[in-house]
């Protein structure tokens, strides 16, 4: 298993709670924890409340976009229909 190939210091760094995205990836991709594993569930929930993800989502507008929309809804529908909506 990969955990045998990674030294303890590196594994501890990957498991830091301050970066739940890296922790989640380490648990699920590197160590093969199941999606129902309690630590995976906790890490997944923390992604939405810790680090960059909530900062990015806080900038999202009510319409689901960031910044100013490129087109108003009338022109956006006709110009970018399947891509925009």
PDB file of N, CA and C in Angstrom:
ATOM      1  N   UNK A   1       0.841  -1.183   0.000  1.00  0.00           N
ATOM      2  CA  UNK A   1       0.000   0.000   0.000  1.00  0.00           C
ATOM      3  C   UNK A   1       0.887   1.248   0.000  1.00  0.00           C
ATOM      4  N   UNK A   2       0.341   2.319  -0.528  1.00  0.00           N
ATOM      5  CA  UNK A   2       1.137   3.551  -0.677  1.00  0.00           C
ATOM      6  C   UNK A   2       1.571   4.131   0.662  1.00  0.00           C
ATOM      7  N   UNK A   3       0.777   3.922   1.707  1.00  0.00           N
ATOM      8  CA  UNK A   3       1.152   4.466   3.020  1.00  0.00           C
ATOM      9  C   UNK A   3       2.467   3.886   3.514  1.00  0.00           C
ATOM     10  N   UNK A   4       2.853   2.720   3.004  1.00  0.00           N
ATOM     11  CA  UNK A   4       4.136   2.118   3.364  1.00  0.00           C
ATOM     12  C   UNK A   4       5.294   2.805   2.645  1.00  0.00           C
ATOM     13  N   UNK A   5       4.997   3.490   1.541  1.00  0.00           N
ATOM     14  CA  UNK A   5       6.022   4.159   0.748  1.00  0.00           C
ATOM     15  C   UNK A   5       6.238   5.612   1.170  1.00  0.00           C
ATOM     16  N   UNK A   6       5.309   6.156   1.952  1.00  0.00           N
ATOM     17  CA  UNK A   6       5.383   7.558   2.368  1.00  0.00           C
ATOM     18  C   UNK A   6       5.850   7.621   3.816  1.00  0.00           C
ATOM     19  N   UNK A   7       6.839   8.464   4.097  1.00  0.00           N
ATOM     20  CA  UNK A   7       7.316   8.575   5.476  1.00  0.00           C
ATOM     21  C   UNK A   7       6.264   9.260   6.347  1.00  0.00           C
ATOM     22  N   UNK A   8       6.367   9.087   7.645  1.00  0.00           N
ATOM     23  CA  UNK A   8       5.371   9.601   8.584  1.00  0.00           C
ATOM     24  C   UNK A   8       5.222  11.120   8.517  1.00  0.00           C
ATOM     25  N   UNK A   9       6.324  11.832   8.360  1.00  0.00           N
ATOM     26  CA  UNK A   9       6.258  13.297   8.307  1.00  0.00           C
ATOM     27  C   UNK A   9       5.427  13.759   7.109  1.00  0.00           C
ATOM     28  N   UNK A  10       5.631  13.133   5.967  1.00  0.00           N
ATOM     29  CA  UNK A  10       4.868  13.496   4.767  1.00  0.00           C
ATOM     30  C   UNK A  10       3.405  13.133   4.931  1.00  0.00           C
ATOM     31  N   UNK A  11       3.144  11.958   5.457  1.00  0.00           N
ATOM     32  CA  UNK A  11       1.759  11.522   5.673  1.00  0.00           C
ATOM     33  C   UNK A  11       1.045  12.450   6.658  1.00  0.00           C
ATOM     34  N   UNK A  12       1.728  12.847   7.713  1.00  0.00           N
ATOM     35  CA  UNK A  12       1.140  13.795   8.667  1.00  0.00           C
ATOM     36  C   UNK A  12       0.832  15.132   7.996  1.00  0.00           C
ATOM     37  N   UNK A  13       1.714  15.578   7.127  1.00  0.00           N
ATOM     38  CA  UNK A  13       1.507  16.820   6.394  1.00  0.00           C
ATOM     39  C   UNK A  13       0.277  16.704   5.481  1.00  0.00           C
ATOM     40  N   UNK A  14       0.144  15.578   4.800  1.00  0.00           N
ATOM     41  CA  UNK A  14      -1.005  15.361   3.917  1.00  0.00           C
ATOM     42  C   UNK A  14      -2.319  15.263   4.690  1.00  0.00           C
ATOM     43  N   UNK A  15      -2.232  14.884   5.953  1.00  0.00           N
ATOM     44  CA  UNK A  15      -3.419  14.724   6.790  1.00  0.00           C
ATOM     45  C   UNK A  15      -3.755  15.960   7.622  1.00  0.00           C
ATOM     46  N   UNK A  16      -3.039  17.061   7.417  1.00  0.00           N
ATOM     47  CA  UNK A  16      -3.325  18.260   8.196  1.00  0.00           C
ATOM     48  C   UNK A  16      -4.774  18.696   7.989  1.00  0.00           C
ATOM     49  N   UNK A  17      -5.421  19.038   9.087  1.00  0.00           N
ATOM     50  CA  UNK A  17      -6.822  19.444   9.013  1.00  0.00           C
ATOM     51  C   UNK A  17      -6.995  20.834   8.426  1.00  0.00           C
ATOM     52  N   UNK A  18      -5.914  21.591   8.316  1.00  0.00           N
ATOM     53  CA  UNK A  18      -6.004  22.949   7.776  1.00  0.00           C
ATOM     54  C   UNK A  18      -6.251  22.963   6.264  1.00  0.00           C
ATOM     55  N   UNK A  19      -6.021  21.837   5.594  1.00  0.00           N
ATOM     56  CA  UNK A  19      -6.276  21.755   4.154  1.00  0.00           C
ATOM     57  C   UNK A  19      -7.119  20.513   3.869  1.00  0.00           C
ATOM     58  N   UNK A  20      -8.434  20.619   4.065  1.00  0.00           N
ATOM     59  CA  UNK A  20      -9.289  19.443   3.922  1.00  0.00           C
ATOM     60  C   UNK A  20      -9.343  18.872   2.512  1.00  0.00           C
ATOM     61  N   UNK A  21      -9.074  19.667   1.495  1.00  0.00           N
ATOM     62  CA  UNK A  21      -9.068  19.141   0.123  1.00  0.00           C
ATOM     63  C   UNK A  21      -7.935  18.139  -0.068  1.00  0.00           C
ATOM     64  N   UNK A  22      -6.747  18.495   0.416  1.00  0.00           N
ATOM     65  CA  UNK A  22      -5.597  17.589   0.322  1.00  0.00           C
ATOM     66  C   UNK A  22      -5.836  16.366   1.198  1.00  0.00           C
ATOM     67  N   UNK A  23      -6.383  16.586   2.366  1.00  0.00           N
ATOM     68  CA  UNK A  23      -6.692  15.481   3.291  1.00  0.00           C
ATOM     69  C   UNK A  23      -7.669  14.503   2.637  1.00  0.00           C
ATOM     70  N   UNK A  24      -8.731  15.036   2.032  1.00  0.00           N
ATOM     71  CA  UNK A  24      -9.741  14.206   1.361  1.00  0.00           C
ATOM     72  C   UNK A  24      -9.105  13.412   0.216  1.00  0.00           C
ATOM     73  N   UNK A  25      -8.305  14.082  -0.610  1.00  0.00           N
ATOM     74  CA  UNK A  25      -7.641  13.409  -1.735  1.00  0.00           C
ATOM     75  C   UNK A  25      -6.720  12.299  -1.220  1.00  0.00           C
ATOM     76  N   UNK A  26      -5.966  12.587  -0.185  1.00  0.00           N
ATOM     77  CA  UNK A  26      -5.054  11.592   0.395  1.00  0.00           C
ATOM     78  C   UNK A  26      -5.836  10.384   0.895  1.00  0.00           C
ATOM     79  N   UNK A  27      -6.925  10.655   1.589  1.00  0.00           N
ATOM     80  CA  UNK A  27      -7.725   9.555   2.145  1.00  0.00           C
ATOM     81  C   UNK A  27      -8.342   8.693   1.056  1.00  0.00           C
ATOM     82  N   UNK A  28      -8.897   9.324   0.035  1.00  0.00           N
ATOM     83  CA  UNK A  28      -9.649   8.564  -0.972  1.00  0.00           C
ATOM     84  C   UNK A  28      -8.790   8.029  -2.113  1.00  0.00           C
ATOM     85  N   UNK A  29      -7.822   8.803  -2.567  1.00  0.00           N
ATOM     86  CA  UNK A  29      -7.029   8.399  -3.741  1.00  0.00           C
ATOM     87  C   UNK A  29      -5.744   7.666  -3.378  1.00  0.00           C
ATOM     88  N   UNK A  30      -5.068   8.145  -2.365  1.00  0.00           N
ATOM     89  CA  UNK A  30      -3.790   7.529  -2.020  1.00  0.00           C
ATOM     90  C   UNK A  30      -3.945   6.338  -1.082  1.00  0.00           C
ATOM     91  N   UNK A  31      -4.847   6.468  -0.118  1.00  0.00           N
ATOM     92  CA  UNK A  31      -4.981   5.415   0.888  1.00  0.00           C
ATOM     93  C   UNK A  31      -6.177   4.507   0.657  1.00  0.00           C
ATOM     94  N   UNK A  32      -7.059   4.870  -0.262  1.00  0.00           N
ATOM     95  CA  UNK A  32      -8.176   4.014  -0.631  1.00  0.00           C
ATOM     96  C   UNK A  32      -9.300   3.923   0.396  1.00  0.00           C
ATOM     97  N   UNK A  33      -9.429   4.942   1.252  1.00  0.00           N
ATOM     98  CA  UNK A  33     -10.544   4.943   2.197  1.00  0.00           C
ATOM     99  C   UNK A  33     -11.846   5.021   1.414  1.00  0.00           C
ATOM    100  N   UNK A  34     -12.871   4.336   1.888  1.00  0.00           N
ATOM    101  CA  UNK A  34     -14.180   4.378   1.249  1.00  0.00           C
ATOM    102  C   UNK A  34     -14.873   5.706   1.488  1.00  0.00           C
ATOM    103  N   UNK A  35     -15.813   6.031   0.623  1.00  0.00           N
ATOM    104  CA  UNK A  35     -16.536   7.295   0.729  1.00  0.00           C
ATOM    105  C   UNK A  35     -17.370   7.384   2.003  1.00  0.00           C
ATOM    106  N   UNK A  36     -17.684   6.243   2.597  1.00  0.00           N
ATOM    107  CA  UNK A  36     -18.472   6.244   3.829  1.00  0.00           C
ATOM    108  C   UNK A  36     -17.603   6.203   5.088  1.00  0.00           C
ATOM    109  N   UNK A  37     -16.295   6.191   4.915  1.00  0.00           N
ATOM    110  CA  UNK A  37     -15.384   6.200   6.058  1.00  0.00           C
ATOM    111  C   UNK A  37     -15.595   7.508   6.826  1.00  0.00           C
ATOM    112  N   UNK A  38     -15.719   7.453   8.144  1.00  0.00           N
ATOM    113  CA  UNK A  38     -15.996   8.668   8.933  1.00  0.00           C
ATOM    114  C   UNK A  38     -15.014   9.815   8.694  1.00  0.00           C
ATOM    115  N   UNK A  39     -13.744   9.517   8.522  1.00  0.00           N
ATOM    116  CA  UNK A  39     -12.764  10.583   8.283  1.00  0.00           C
ATOM    117  C   UNK A  39     -12.951  11.224   6.913  1.00  0.00           C
ATOM    118  N   UNK A  40     -13.339  10.426   5.922  1.00  0.00           N
ATOM    119  CA  UNK A  40     -13.591  10.950   4.583  1.00  0.00           C
ATOM    120  C   UNK A  40     -14.817  11.855   4.612  1.00  0.00           C
ATOM    121  N   UNK A  41     -15.863  11.411   5.291  1.00  0.00           N
ATOM    122  CA  UNK A  41     -17.085  12.212   5.412  1.00  0.00           C
ATOM    123  C   UNK A  41     -16.768  13.548   6.082  1.00  0.00           C
ATOM    124  N   UNK A  42     -15.982  13.505   7.140  1.00  0.00           N
ATOM    125  CA  UNK A  42     -15.605  14.734   7.846  1.00  0.00           C
ATOM    126  C   UNK A  42     -14.796  15.661   6.940  1.00  0.00           C
ATOM    127  N   UNK A  43     -13.810  15.118   6.242  1.00  0.00           N
ATOM    128  CA  UNK A  43     -12.976  15.937   5.354  1.00  0.00           C
ATOM    129  C   UNK A  43     -13.809  16.571   4.251  1.00  0.00           C
ATOM    130  N   UNK A  44     -14.714  15.803   3.677  1.00  0.00           N
ATOM    131  CA  UNK A  44     -15.554  16.307   2.594  1.00  0.00           C
ATOM    132  C   UNK A  44     -16.419  17.470   3.082  1.00  0.00           C
ATOM    133  N   UNK A  45     -16.960  17.359   4.268  1.00  0.00           N
ATOM    134  CA  UNK A  45     -17.783  18.436   4.829  1.00  0.00           C
ATOM    135  C   UNK A  45     -16.941  19.681   5.114  1.00  0.00           C
ATOM    136  N   UNK A  46     -15.717  19.470   5.589  1.00  0.00           N
ATOM    137  CA  UNK A  46     -14.833  20.587   5.942  1.00  0.00           C
ATOM    138  C   UNK A  46     -14.371  21.372   4.707  1.00  0.00           C
ATOM    139  N   UNK A  47     -14.339  20.720   3.543  1.00  0.00           N
ATOM    140  CA  UNK A  47     -13.915  21.404   2.318  1.00  0.00           C
ATOM    141  C   UNK A  47     -14.770  22.640   2.074  1.00  0.00           C
ATOM    142  N   UNK A  48     -16.047  22.558   2.389  1.00  0.00           N
ATOM    143  CA  UNK A  48     -16.962  23.665   2.127  1.00  0.00           C
ATOM    144  C   UNK A  48     -16.863  24.789   3.159  1.00  0.00           C
ATOM    145  N   UNK A  49     -16.165  24.557   4.274  1.00  0.00           N
ATOM    146  CA  UNK A  49     -16.116  25.561   5.335  1.00  0.00           C
ATOM    147  C   UNK A  49     -14.710  26.030   5.698  1.00  0.00           C
ATOM    148  N   UNK A  50     -13.676  25.421   5.103  1.00  0.00           N
ATOM    149  CA  UNK A  50     -12.298  25.723   5.476  1.00  0.00           C
ATOM    150  C   UNK A  50     -11.455  25.988   4.230  1.00  0.00           C
ATOM    151  N   UNK A  51     -10.586  26.987   4.293  1.00  0.00           N
ATOM    152  CA  UNK A  51      -9.622  27.212   3.218  1.00  0.00           C
ATOM    153  C   UNK A  51     -10.168  28.040   2.072  1.00  0.00           C
ATOM    154  N   UNK A  52      -9.736  27.716   0.852  1.00  0.00           N
ATOM    155  CA  UNK A  52     -10.057  28.521  -0.326  1.00  0.00           C
ATOM    156  C   UNK A  52     -11.482  28.358  -0.828  1.00  0.00           C
ATOM    157  N   UNK A  53     -12.062  27.184  -0.701  1.00  0.00           N
ATOM    158  CA  UNK A  53     -13.384  26.938  -1.285  1.00  0.00           C
ATOM    159  C   UNK A  53     -14.427  27.926  -0.769  1.00  0.00           C
ATOM    160  N   UNK A  54     -14.583  28.115   0.549  1.00  0.00           N
ATOM    161  CA  UNK A  54     -15.590  29.083   0.970  1.00  0.00           C
ATOM    162  C   UNK A  54     -15.274  30.515   0.545  1.00  0.00           C
ATOM    163  N   UNK A  55     -13.989  30.856   0.440  1.00  0.00           N
ATOM    164  CA  UNK A  55     -13.612  32.196  -0.023  1.00  0.00           C
ATOM    165  C   UNK A  55     -14.026  32.396  -1.480  1.00  0.00           C
ATOM    166  N   UNK A  56     -13.846  31.374  -2.285  1.00  0.00           N
ATOM    167  CA  UNK A  56     -14.244  31.442  -3.696  1.00  0.00           C
ATOM    168  C   UNK A  56     -15.758  31.511  -3.809  1.00  0.00           C
ATOM    169  N   UNK A  57     -16.455  30.652  -3.076  1.00  0.00           N
ATOM    170  CA  UNK A  57     -17.910  30.617  -3.147  1.00  0.00           C
ATOM    171  C   UNK A  57     -18.548  31.894  -2.614  1.00  0.00           C
ATOM    172  N   UNK A  58     -17.898  32.556  -1.665  1.00  0.00           N
ATOM    173  CA  UNK A  58     -18.418  33.829  -1.152  1.00  0.00           C
ATOM    174  C   UNK A  58     -18.469  34.903  -2.236  1.00  0.00           C
ATOM    175  N   UNK A  59     -17.626  34.787  -3.253  1.00  0.00           N
ATOM    176  CA  UNK A  59     -17.575  35.757  -4.339  1.00  0.00           C
ATOM    177  C   UNK A  59     -18.601  35.472  -5.433  1.00  0.00           C
ATOM    178  N   UNK A  60     -19.256  34.317  -5.359  1.00  0.00           N
ATOM    179  CA  UNK A  60     -20.232  33.928  -6.383  1.00  0.00           C
ATOM    180  C   UNK A  60     -21.492  34.786  -6.264  1.00  0.00           C
ATOM    181  N   UNK A  61     -21.972  35.277  -7.390  1.00  0.00           N
ATOM    182  CA  UNK A  61     -23.183  36.095  -7.429  1.00  0.00           C
ATOM    183  C   UNK A  61     -24.422  35.203  -7.337  1.00  0.00           C
ATOM    184  N   UNK A  62     -25.550  35.807  -7.042  1.00  0.00           N
ATOM    185  CA  UNK A  62     -26.799  35.064  -6.891  1.00  0.00           C
ATOM    186  C   UNK A  62     -27.147  34.275  -8.156  1.00  0.00           C
ATOM    187  N   UNK A  63     -26.769  34.796  -9.309  1.00  0.00           N
ATOM    188  CA  UNK A  63     -27.052  34.115 -10.571  1.00  0.00           C
ATOM    189  C   UNK A  63     -26.120  32.951 -10.864  1.00  0.00           C
ATOM    190  N   UNK A  64     -25.162  32.677  -9.974  1.00  0.00           N
ATOM    191  CA  UNK A  64     -24.267  31.544 -10.151  1.00  0.00           C
ATOM    192  C   UNK A  64     -22.963  31.878 -10.858  1.00  0.00           C
ATOM    193  N   UNK A  65     -22.691  33.139 -11.090  1.00  0.00           N
ATOM    194  CA  UNK A  65     -21.477  33.547 -11.794  1.00  0.00           C
ATOM    195  C   UNK A  65     -20.593  34.385 -10.870  1.00  0.00           C
ATOM    196  N   UNK A  66     -19.380  34.611 -11.304  1.00  0.00           N
ATOM    197  CA  UNK A  66     -18.441  35.468 -10.583  1.00  0.00           C
ATOM    198  C   UNK A  66     -18.231  36.711 -11.419  1.00  0.00           C
ATOM    199  N   UNK A  67     -18.099  37.861 -10.769  1.00  0.00           N
ATOM    200  CA  UNK A  67     -17.903  39.107 -11.507  1.00  0.00           C
ATOM    201  C   UNK A  67     -19.185  39.552 -12.175  1.00  0.00           C
ATOM    202  N   UNK A  68     -19.075  40.132 -13.351  1.00  0.00           N
ATOM    203  CA  UNK A  68     -20.244  40.607 -14.092  1.00  0.00           C
ATOM    204  C   UNK A  68     -20.541  39.636 -15.227  1.00  0.00           C
ATOM    205  N   UNK A  69     -21.822  39.361 -15.469  1.00  0.00           N
ATOM    206  CA  UNK A  69     -22.148  38.437 -16.573  1.00  0.00           C
ATOM    207  C   UNK A  69     -21.740  39.043 -17.914  1.00  0.00           C
ATOM    208  N   UNK A  70     -21.363  38.200 -18.856  1.00  0.00           N
ATOM    209  CA  UNK A  70     -20.938  38.673 -20.175  1.00  0.00           C
ATOM    210  C   UNK A  70     -22.116  39.155 -21.008  1.00  0.00           C
ATOM    211  N   UNK A  71     -23.247  38.505 -20.845  1.00  0.00           N
ATOM    212  CA  UNK A  71     -24.429  38.827 -21.633  1.00  0.00           C
ATOM    213  C   UNK A  71     -25.619  38.960 -20.699  1.00  0.00           C
ATOM    214  N   UNK A  72     -26.584  39.787 -21.094  1.00  0.00           N
ATOM    215  CA  UNK A  72     -27.818  39.747 -20.319  1.00  0.00           C
ATOM    216  C   UNK A  72     -28.560  38.466 -20.688  1.00  0.00           C
ATOM    217  N   UNK A  73     -29.579  38.109 -19.981  1.00  0.00           N
ATOM    218  CA  UNK A  73     -30.209  36.805 -20.168  1.00  0.00           C
ATOM    219  C   UNK A  73     -30.794  36.629 -21.561  1.00  0.00           C
ATOM    220  N   UNK A  74     -31.325  37.704 -22.191  1.00  0.00           N
ATOM    221  CA  UNK A  74     -31.911  37.586 -23.528  1.00  0.00           C
ATOM    222  C   UNK A  74     -30.854  37.219 -24.567  1.00  0.00           C
ATOM    223  N   UNK A  75     -29.773  37.986 -24.624  1.00  0.00           N
ATOM    224  CA  UNK A  75     -28.721  37.715 -25.594  1.00  0.00           C
ATOM    225  C   UNK A  75     -27.928  36.461 -25.237  1.00  0.00           C
ATOM    226  N   UNK A  76     -27.719  36.246 -23.962  1.00  0.00           N
ATOM    227  CA  UNK A  76     -27.001  35.048 -23.534  1.00  0.00           C
ATOM    228  C   UNK A  76     -27.690  33.781 -23.971  1.00  0.00           C
ATOM    229  N   UNK A  77     -28.996  33.777 -23.906  1.00  0.00           N
ATOM    230  CA  UNK A  77     -29.746  32.581 -24.306  1.00  0.00           C
ATOM    231  C   UNK A  77     -29.562  32.298 -25.786  1.00  0.00           C
ATOM    232  N   UNK A  78     -29.671  33.324 -26.623  1.00  0.00           N
ATOM    233  CA  UNK A  78     -29.583  33.118 -28.060  1.00  0.00           C
ATOM    234  C   UNK A  78     -28.156  32.904 -28.561  1.00  0.00           C
ATOM    235  N   UNK A  79     -27.184  33.544 -27.934  1.00  0.00           N
ATOM    236  CA  UNK A  79     -25.803  33.414 -28.396  1.00  0.00           C
ATOM    237  C   UNK A  79     -25.103  32.187 -27.825  1.00  0.00           C
ATOM    238  N   UNK A  80     -25.397  31.856 -26.586  1.00  0.00           N
ATOM    239  CA  UNK A  80     -24.645  30.798 -25.909  1.00  0.00           C
ATOM    240  C   UNK A  80     -25.570  29.733 -25.322  1.00  0.00           C
ATOM    241  N   UNK A  81     -26.782  29.689 -25.751  1.00  0.00           N
ATOM    242  CA  UNK A  81     -27.799  28.815 -25.193  1.00  0.00           C
ATOM    243  C   UNK A  81     -27.314  27.567 -24.488  1.00  0.00           C
ATOM    244  N   UNK A  82     -26.885  26.545 -25.227  1.00  0.00           N
ATOM    245  CA  UNK A  82     -26.513  25.288 -24.562  1.00  0.00           C
ATOM    246  C   UNK A  82     -25.283  25.408 -23.671  1.00  0.00           C
ATOM    247  N   UNK A  83     -24.401  26.345 -23.958  1.00  0.00           N
ATOM    248  CA  UNK A  83     -23.195  26.487 -23.164  1.00  0.00           C
ATOM    249  C   UNK A  83     -23.418  27.333 -21.913  1.00  0.00           C
ATOM    250  N   UNK A  84     -24.259  28.332 -22.043  1.00  0.00           N
ATOM    251  CA  UNK A  84     -24.443  29.317 -20.973  1.00  0.00           C
ATOM    252  C   UNK A  84     -25.482  28.878 -19.958  1.00  0.00           C
ATOM    253  N   UNK A  85     -26.487  28.142 -20.389  1.00  0.00           N
ATOM    254  CA  UNK A  85     -27.576  27.771 -19.497  1.00  0.00           C
ATOM    255  C   UNK A  85     -27.572  26.309 -19.167  1.00  0.00           C
TER     256      UNK A  85
END
